[in-house]
Amino acid sequence: MWSDSSGSSFVVSDGLNHAGRVMKRRLSLAKCPSPVIFETALTAGGHSFGRVILNAPERHNLLSLDIVKSMLFQLDQWADDARFAGVVLDASGSKTFCLGSDIASLLDLAPDVPGQLSQTDAAEFFEHLYRLNHLIHSFPKPIACWGHGLVSGSGLGLLASATHRVVTPQTCICVSEAFGARYPNISASWILSRMPGRTGQFVALTGVPLNAADALFGGLADFVVPQSRYDAVMSDIASTNWSGEKEADSAQLSELLESQSSGFKWLLSPLRVHFDRIRAAVGHDRLVDAAPRLAALRSHENAWLAQAGELFLKNSPATVALVFEMLRSARWLSWADSMRLEWSASMRSCAQNEVTSGVKAREAPVCSPSQRKNSSCLLSGLEDSHPLADLSST
């Protein structure tokens, strides 16, 4: 039914010429299966569906530059091919969809300053990553992303950018520093700033994990389908007569996923249950007012709210200030402008070594004026010379 598109596979060579750790890493990877697999299925009506599988579960399906380039190349091919009606994006392994970007692979490319990203490598990586995210968001055909298991950082960006966002009862979405995402990135600032009430700010500032019901309530997902029905969904896609028209095929794909999402016990959404308490804790205006209220949650009798308070206290003041400013800015930006904003924040954070390090403060992370000023500086850079200036404002 689904077959490897070996003729469409694309292996990227980045032309690196320094050995050592890079060569050792590549020799290790050469012994492993491809970290991303492309398959196709000829469906009942004659159109094909593409399938992208992140295939490095032992590395939490982290996105490297090579993987991102390969996905960009293949998705571009399918976007322009009238024979393809849609795409499925999923991952190998039973525990993780994608935990974010493979920062370790970028660090391997910086032999001169171990443990710190070079600006050149970081710029190339983040530009390609944001272009991939934008391509998925603006793709001319429906894309179903199957976000099973742990989802964080770039993984959340992939999931949230698809037209049909599927989670399972085992999905756990997290934007916490503990999972590597130090600030909203890969479209997270745009997505979180549009969640109901103050829930987006709450999730971004605390990093509290979300379950499938939270994702549905917060607008991060569209369907909850048991993992046990994955094969049935893939079979239904292959046996469906697709038209090749995005609107009609999107509606048909929605009906297909809805038919597989019934008949199981729904989870409780803490985000929905504590909606009013969250709104009161975050408040409406200043971070300096919200910080003590969020920190006080650590003593709350509810375990989920107490966890949110503890996680908030683990964040550095600089990170908290950046998160707060990013969400406040992204609320009024187009999707493309939010990509440009996040790229600028990523690059300036790399320059300050914030991506690979960071001090976690145990006191309530209330920001100083200098930290607030610095976070505002991180959000500049939407000028015409921006490397993502050509992205359409969809």
Protein backbone atom coordinates (compact mmCIF):
# COMPACT_ATOMS: atom_id res chain seq x y z
CA MET A 1 0.00 0.00 0.00
CA TRP A 2 2.56 2.59 1.15
CA SER A 3 5.95 2.22 -0.50
CA ASP A 4 9.36 3.83 -0.21
CA SER A 5 9.83 6.57 -2.78
CA SER A 6 13.48 5.72 -3.25
CA GLY A 7 13.58 7.74 -6.42
CA SER A 8 12.44 10.80 -4.48
CA SER A 9 14.76 10.46 -1.52
CA PHE A 10 17.22 13.31 -1.21
CA VAL A 11 20.51 13.08 0.64
CA VAL A 12 22.01 16.45 1.47
CA SER A 13 25.74 17.08 1.57
CA ASP A 14 26.68 20.25 3.43
CA GLY A 15 30.27 20.31 2.16
CA LEU A 16 31.93 20.46 5.57
CA ASN A 17 35.68 19.95 5.45
CA HIS A 18 36.68 19.69 9.10
CA ALA A 19 37.00 16.21 10.55
CA GLY A 20 37.10 15.10 14.15
CA ARG A 21 33.74 15.09 15.81
CA VAL A 22 31.87 15.76 12.56
CA MET A 23 33.41 12.75 10.79
CA LYS A 24 32.86 10.54 13.82
CA ARG A 25 29.22 11.60 13.92
CA ARG A 26 28.73 10.95 10.22
CA LEU A 27 30.33 7.51 10.41
CA SER A 28 27.96 6.72 13.25
CA LEU A 29 24.95 7.96 11.31
CA ALA A 30 26.05 6.00 8.24
CA LYS A 31 25.43 2.79 10.15
CA CYS A 32 21.88 3.86 11.03
CA PRO A 33 18.69 3.93 8.94
CA SER A 34 17.82 7.18 7.20
CA PRO A 35 16.66 9.75 9.80
CA VAL A 36 13.79 10.74 7.51
CA ILE A 37 11.86 8.45 5.16
CA PHE A 38 9.62 9.42 2.25
CA GLU A 39 6.86 7.09 1.08
CA THR A 40 3.99 7.32 -1.37
CA ALA A 41 0.64 5.58 -1.72
CA LEU A 42 -1.42 5.40 -4.91
CA THR A 43 -5.00 5.93 -3.74
CA ALA A 44 -8.24 4.52 -5.11
CA GLY A 45 -9.00 7.48 -7.37
CA GLY A 46 -5.56 7.60 -8.97
CA HIS A 47 -4.06 10.44 -6.94
CA SER A 48 -1.15 9.76 -4.61
CA PHE A 49 -0.51 10.69 -0.98
CA GLY A 50 2.98 11.41 0.26
CA ARG A 51 4.22 10.40 3.67
CA VAL A 52 7.12 11.89 5.63
CA ILE A 53 8.39 9.80 8.55
CA LEU A 54 10.87 11.17 11.07
CA ASN A 55 12.96 8.09 11.70
CA ALA A 56 15.40 8.67 14.56
CA PRO A 57 13.41 7.62 17.65
CA GLU A 58 16.61 6.92 19.60
CA ARG A 59 17.36 10.66 19.18
CA HIS A 60 13.76 11.71 19.91
CA ASN A 61 13.31 12.44 16.19
CA LEU A 62 15.20 15.71 16.57
CA LEU A 63 15.45 17.85 13.44
CA SER A 64 18.94 18.28 12.01
CA LEU A 65 19.86 20.56 9.12
CA ASP A 66 20.09 17.58 6.76
CA ILE A 67 16.61 16.37 7.76
CA VAL A 68 15.13 19.85 7.32
CA LYS A 69 16.72 20.28 3.89
CA SER A 70 15.49 16.85 2.80
CA MET A 71 11.94 17.64 3.92
CA LEU A 72 11.99 21.00 2.15
CA PHE A 73 13.15 19.41 -1.08
CA GLN A 74 10.59 16.58 -1.02
CA LEU A 75 7.63 18.72 0.05
CA ASP A 76 8.45 21.21 -2.70
CA GLN A 77 8.31 18.34 -5.21
CA TRP A 78 4.94 17.13 -3.96
CA ALA A 79 3.51 20.65 -3.79
CA ASP A 80 4.13 21.13 -7.51
CA ASP A 81 3.05 17.62 -8.56
CA ALA A 82 -0.64 17.50 -9.57
CA ARG A 83 -0.63 13.73 -9.05
CA PHE A 84 -0.40 14.22 -5.27
CA ALA A 85 -3.51 15.07 -3.27
CA GLY A 86 -1.98 15.38 0.21
CA VAL A 87 0.71 14.45 2.70
CA VAL A 88 0.94 12.62 6.03
CA LEU A 89 3.66 13.68 8.47
CA ASP A 90 4.46 11.30 11.31
CA ALA A 91 7.34 9.64 13.14
CA SER A 92 8.81 6.28 14.03
CA GLY A 93 8.77 5.03 17.60
CA SER A 94 6.07 4.63 20.20
CA LYS A 95 7.05 7.42 22.61
CA THR A 96 8.03 10.57 20.70
CA PHE A 97 6.87 12.50 17.67
CA CYS A 98 9.60 15.16 17.82
CA LEU A 99 11.30 16.91 20.72
CA GLY A 100 12.69 19.81 18.72
CA SER A 101 15.90 20.78 16.95
CA ASP A 102 19.12 18.78 16.98
CA ILE A 103 21.27 21.50 18.55
CA ALA A 104 23.98 18.93 19.33
CA SER A 105 24.55 18.36 15.62
CA LEU A 106 25.07 22.12 15.17
CA LEU A 107 27.53 22.20 18.04
CA ASP A 108 29.53 19.52 16.23
CA LEU A 109 30.02 21.99 13.40
CA ALA A 110 31.74 24.55 15.65
CA PRO A 111 35.22 23.16 16.38
CA ASP A 112 36.67 26.56 17.27
CA VAL A 113 34.27 27.28 20.15
CA PRO A 114 33.10 23.98 21.68
CA GLY A 115 29.65 24.23 23.24
CA GLN A 116 28.70 27.38 21.37
CA LEU A 117 26.91 27.78 18.05
CA SER A 118 28.59 29.70 15.27
CA GLN A 119 26.42 32.48 13.86
CA THR A 120 26.87 31.20 10.30
CA ASP A 121 25.73 27.65 11.10
CA ALA A 122 22.87 28.91 13.29
CA ALA A 123 21.67 31.32 10.59
CA GLU A 124 21.59 28.57 7.96
CA PHE A 125 19.84 26.10 10.26
CA PHE A 126 17.14 28.47 11.51
CA GLU A 127 16.46 29.91 8.05
CA HIS A 128 15.83 26.45 6.62
CA LEU A 129 13.81 25.40 9.65
CA TYR A 130 11.51 28.43 9.45
CA ARG A 131 11.16 27.99 5.70
CA LEU A 132 10.07 24.39 6.29
CA ASN A 133 7.53 25.52 8.85
CA HIS A 134 6.18 28.18 6.49
CA LEU A 135 5.98 25.70 3.62
CA ILE A 136 3.89 23.31 5.72
CA HIS A 137 1.63 26.18 6.83
CA SER A 138 1.08 27.42 3.26
CA PHE A 139 1.13 24.02 1.53
CA PRO A 140 -1.33 23.88 -1.40
CA LYS A 141 -2.65 20.47 -0.32
CA PRO A 142 -3.89 19.07 3.00
CA ILE A 143 -1.20 17.87 5.40
CA ALA A 144 -2.16 15.56 8.28
CA CYS A 145 0.40 15.59 11.09
CA TRP A 146 0.20 12.66 13.52
CA GLY A 147 1.59 14.01 16.81
CA HIS A 148 1.78 10.92 18.99
CA GLY A 149 3.78 10.84 22.23
CA LEU A 150 6.08 13.65 23.31
CA VAL A 151 5.91 16.86 21.26
CA SER A 152 8.06 19.93 21.92
CA GLY A 153 9.92 22.80 20.24
CA SER A 154 10.19 22.28 16.48
CA GLY A 155 7.92 19.26 16.84
CA LEU A 156 5.14 21.51 18.05
CA GLY A 157 5.84 23.83 15.11
CA LEU A 158 5.44 20.95 12.63
CA LEU A 159 2.23 19.77 14.27
CA ALA A 160 0.64 23.19 14.61
CA SER A 161 1.48 24.21 11.02
CA ALA A 162 -0.42 21.33 9.39
CA THR A 163 -3.97 21.64 8.10
CA HIS A 164 -5.05 18.52 10.01
CA ARG A 165 -3.41 18.26 13.43
CA VAL A 166 -3.87 14.85 15.04
CA VAL A 167 -2.95 13.93 18.61
CA THR A 168 -3.48 10.70 20.52
CA PRO A 169 -4.47 10.05 24.15
CA GLN A 170 -0.73 9.55 24.85
CA THR A 171 0.32 12.93 23.42
CA CYS A 172 2.20 15.24 25.77
CA ILE A 173 2.97 18.74 24.47
CA CYS A 174 5.59 20.74 26.31
CA VAL A 175 7.36 24.06 25.73
CA SER A 176 9.40 23.87 28.94
CA GLU A 177 13.13 24.61 29.10
CA ALA A 178 13.56 21.09 30.42
CA PHE A 179 12.66 19.83 26.94
CA GLY A 180 15.02 22.22 25.17
CA ALA A 181 12.68 25.02 24.04
CA ARG A 182 13.93 28.11 25.87
CA TYR A 183 11.41 30.46 24.27
CA PRO A 184 8.47 30.19 21.84
CA ASN A 185 9.92 29.23 18.47
CA ILE A 186 9.04 27.55 15.18
CA SER A 187 5.65 29.34 15.05
CA ALA A 188 4.91 28.81 18.77
CA SER A 189 4.72 32.56 19.48
CA TRP A 190 1.97 32.95 16.85
CA ILE A 191 0.10 29.84 18.00
CA LEU A 192 0.32 30.39 21.77
CA SER A 193 -0.66 34.06 21.50
CA ARG A 194 -3.95 32.96 19.92
CA MET A 195 -4.97 30.37 22.49
CA PRO A 196 -8.17 31.07 24.50
CA GLY A 197 -7.98 33.73 27.20
CA ARG A 198 -4.59 33.84 28.91
CA THR A 199 -3.87 30.13 28.47
CA GLY A 200 -1.19 30.70 25.83
CA GLN A 201 0.78 33.07 28.05
CA PHE A 202 0.37 30.66 30.94
CA VAL A 203 1.70 27.69 28.96
CA ALA A 204 4.61 29.68 27.53
CA LEU A 205 5.66 31.24 30.85
CA THR A 206 5.39 28.06 32.92
CA GLY A 207 6.13 25.30 30.41
CA VAL A 208 3.44 23.13 32.01
CA PRO A 209 2.81 19.97 29.92
CA LEU A 210 -0.44 19.65 27.98
CA ASN A 211 -2.39 16.50 27.23
CA ALA A 212 -4.49 15.76 24.14
CA ALA A 213 -7.62 17.35 25.61
CA ASP A 214 -5.64 20.51 26.42
CA ALA A 215 -4.33 20.60 22.85
CA LEU A 216 -7.87 20.35 21.49
CA PHE A 217 -9.20 23.03 23.83
CA GLY A 218 -6.25 25.34 23.21
CA GLY A 219 -6.44 25.10 19.43
CA LEU A 220 -3.14 23.22 19.08
CA ALA A 221 -4.86 20.15 17.62
CA ASP A 222 -7.98 19.32 15.63
CA PHE A 223 -8.50 15.60 16.22
CA VAL A 224 -7.81 13.07 18.97
CA VAL A 225 -7.41 9.59 17.48
CA PRO A 226 -6.20 6.50 19.38
CA GLN A 227 -2.77 5.33 18.30
CA SER A 228 -4.24 1.87 17.76
CA ARG A 229 -6.22 3.29 14.81
CA TYR A 230 -3.20 4.63 12.96
CA ASP A 231 -3.06 1.73 10.50
CA ALA A 232 -6.77 2.08 9.84
CA VAL A 233 -6.33 5.77 9.06
CA MET A 234 -3.50 5.04 6.63
CA SER A 235 -5.63 2.35 4.98
CA ASP A 236 -8.59 4.73 4.70
CA ILE A 237 -6.40 7.37 3.05
CA ALA A 238 -5.20 4.84 0.46
CA SER A 239 -8.73 3.60 -0.29
CA THR A 240 -10.29 7.07 -0.65
CA ASN A 241 -11.04 8.73 -3.98
CA TRP A 242 -9.33 12.13 -3.73
CA SER A 243 -10.16 14.95 -6.13
CA GLY A 244 -6.89 16.88 -6.20
CA GLU A 245 -8.72 20.04 -5.02
CA LYS A 246 -7.49 21.26 -1.64
CA GLU A 247 -10.82 22.42 -0.22
CA ALA A 248 -12.69 19.25 -1.15
CA ASP A 249 -9.86 16.96 -0.11
CA SER A 250 -9.43 18.79 3.21
CA ALA A 251 -13.11 18.26 4.00
CA GLN A 252 -12.86 14.59 3.04
CA LEU A 253 -9.76 14.13 5.20
CA SER A 254 -11.56 15.77 8.15
CA GLU A 255 -14.47 13.35 7.79
CA LEU A 256 -12.05 10.43 7.66
CA LEU A 257 -10.25 11.50 10.84
CA GLU A 258 -13.50 12.29 12.66
CA SER A 259 -14.78 8.80 11.89
CA GLN A 260 -11.73 7.33 13.63
CA SER A 261 -11.83 9.67 16.64
CA SER A 262 -14.99 8.34 18.30
CA GLY A 263 -15.57 5.51 20.74
CA PHE A 264 -12.89 6.09 23.38
CA LYS A 265 -12.83 7.71 26.80
CA TRP A 266 -12.05 11.42 26.61
CA LEU A 267 -9.36 12.90 28.81
CA LEU A 268 -9.93 15.74 31.23
CA SER A 269 -8.37 19.06 30.20
CA PRO A 270 -6.70 20.85 33.14
CA LEU A 271 -6.34 23.88 30.87
CA ARG A 272 -10.12 24.07 30.50
CA VAL A 273 -10.88 23.20 34.12
CA HIS A 274 -8.57 25.93 35.49
CA PHE A 275 -9.33 28.51 32.80
CA ASP A 276 -10.51 31.19 35.24
CA ARG A 277 -7.66 30.58 37.69
CA ILE A 278 -5.17 30.86 34.83
CA ARG A 279 -6.71 34.14 33.67
CA ALA A 280 -6.43 35.56 37.17
CA ALA A 281 -2.83 34.42 37.59
CA VAL A 282 -1.55 35.85 34.30
CA GLY A 283 -3.64 39.01 34.47
CA HIS A 284 -3.90 41.61 31.76
CA ASP A 285 -0.93 43.94 31.84
CA ARG A 286 2.57 43.78 33.31
CA LEU A 287 4.89 40.84 33.81
CA VAL A 288 6.10 42.32 37.09
CA ASP A 289 2.55 41.87 38.43
CA ALA A 290 2.00 38.41 36.98
CA ALA A 291 5.28 36.89 38.19
CA PRO A 292 4.44 36.71 41.93
CA ARG A 293 1.00 35.26 41.17
CA LEU A 294 2.47 32.57 38.93
CA ALA A 295 5.18 31.77 41.49
CA ALA A 296 2.53 31.44 44.22
CA LEU A 297 0.90 28.58 42.32
CA ARG A 298 3.63 26.23 43.57
CA SER A 299 1.70 26.06 46.86
CA HIS A 300 -1.64 25.37 45.21
CA GLU A 301 -3.52 22.28 46.34
CA ASN A 302 -4.06 21.19 42.74
CA ALA A 303 -1.05 19.18 41.56
CA TRP A 304 -1.18 20.47 37.96
CA LEU A 305 -1.24 24.13 39.01
CA ALA A 306 1.48 23.49 41.60
CA GLN A 307 3.62 21.92 38.87
CA ALA A 308 3.08 25.02 36.72
CA GLY A 309 4.28 27.23 39.58
CA GLU A 310 7.38 25.11 40.12
CA LEU A 311 8.22 25.14 36.42
CA PHE A 312 7.81 28.91 36.28
CA LEU A 313 10.35 29.31 39.07
CA LYS A 314 12.90 27.23 37.15
CA ASN A 315 12.97 29.69 34.25
CA SER A 316 15.59 32.41 34.11
CA PRO A 317 14.37 36.03 34.34
CA ALA A 318 15.76 36.76 30.88
CA THR A 319 13.83 33.84 29.38
CA VAL A 320 10.61 34.91 31.09
CA ALA A 321 10.99 38.46 29.78
CA LEU A 322 11.65 37.23 26.26
CA VAL A 323 8.65 34.89 26.31
CA PHE A 324 6.36 37.64 27.60
CA GLU A 325 7.49 40.16 24.97
CA MET A 326 7.33 37.64 22.12
CA LEU A 327 3.75 36.62 22.81
CA ARG A 328 2.67 40.21 23.26
CA SER A 329 4.22 41.12 19.90
CA ALA A 330 3.15 38.02 17.96
CA ARG A 331 -0.52 38.47 18.74
CA TRP A 332 -0.77 41.23 16.12
CA LEU A 333 1.62 39.78 13.54
CA SER A 334 0.93 37.76 10.42
CA TRP A 335 2.20 34.19 10.30
CA ALA A 336 5.15 35.21 8.12
CA ASP A 337 6.08 38.14 10.36
CA SER A 338 6.02 35.83 13.38
CA MET A 339 8.50 33.57 11.55
CA ARG A 340 10.75 36.56 10.98
CA LEU A 341 10.42 37.64 14.60
CA GLU A 342 11.33 34.19 15.91
CA TRP A 343 14.32 33.89 13.55
CA SER A 344 15.65 37.21 14.86
CA ALA A 345 15.11 36.13 18.46
CA SER A 346 16.84 32.81 17.76
CA MET A 347 19.87 34.47 16.22
CA ARG A 348 20.28 37.01 18.99
CA SER A 349 19.86 34.27 21.58
CA CYS A 350 22.59 32.29 19.83
CA ALA A 351 24.86 35.32 19.94
CA GLN A 352 24.31 35.47 23.70
CA ASN A 353 24.70 31.67 24.04
CA GLU A 354 21.11 31.44 25.32
CA VAL A 355 20.28 28.49 23.09
CA THR A 356 22.88 26.17 24.58
CA SER A 357 23.10 27.47 28.12
CA GLY A 358 21.10 29.44 30.64
CA VAL A 359 20.89 29.95 34.35
CA LYS A 360 17.76 28.76 36.07
CA ALA A 361 16.73 30.98 38.96
CA ARG A 362 14.91 29.57 41.95
CA GLU A 363 13.54 32.92 43.05
CA ALA A 364 10.50 34.41 41.32
CA PRO A 365 11.87 35.44 37.92
CA VAL A 366 10.93 39.12 37.93
CA CYS A 367 12.85 40.96 35.23
CA SER A 368 15.02 43.99 35.69
CA PRO A 369 14.68 47.00 33.37
CA SER A 370 17.88 45.95 31.58
CA GLN A 371 16.49 42.47 30.95
CA ARG A 372 13.23 43.88 29.62
CA LYS A 373 15.17 46.22 27.35
CA ASN A 374 17.30 43.31 26.14
CA SER A 375 14.24 41.18 25.38
CA SER A 376 12.76 44.00 23.32
CA CYS A 377 16.03 44.18 21.37
CA LEU A 378 15.74 40.47 20.59
CA LEU A 379 12.45 41.09 18.82
CA SER A 380 13.76 43.62 16.31
CA GLY A 381 14.79 42.68 12.80
CA LEU A 382 11.70 42.56 10.56
CA GLU A 383 13.32 44.83 7.97
CA ASP A 384 13.46 44.10 4.23
CA SER A 385 16.99 42.72 4.50
CA HIS A 386 15.73 39.91 6.73
CA PRO A 387 16.65 36.46 5.27
CA LEU A 388 12.97 35.50 5.49
CA ALA A 389 11.71 38.74 3.92
CA ASP A 390 10.36 36.82 0.90
CA LEU A 391 7.88 34.72 2.93
CA SER A 392 4.31 35.52 1.97
CA SER A 393 2.20 37.04 4.73
CA THR A 394 -0.40 34.30 5.00
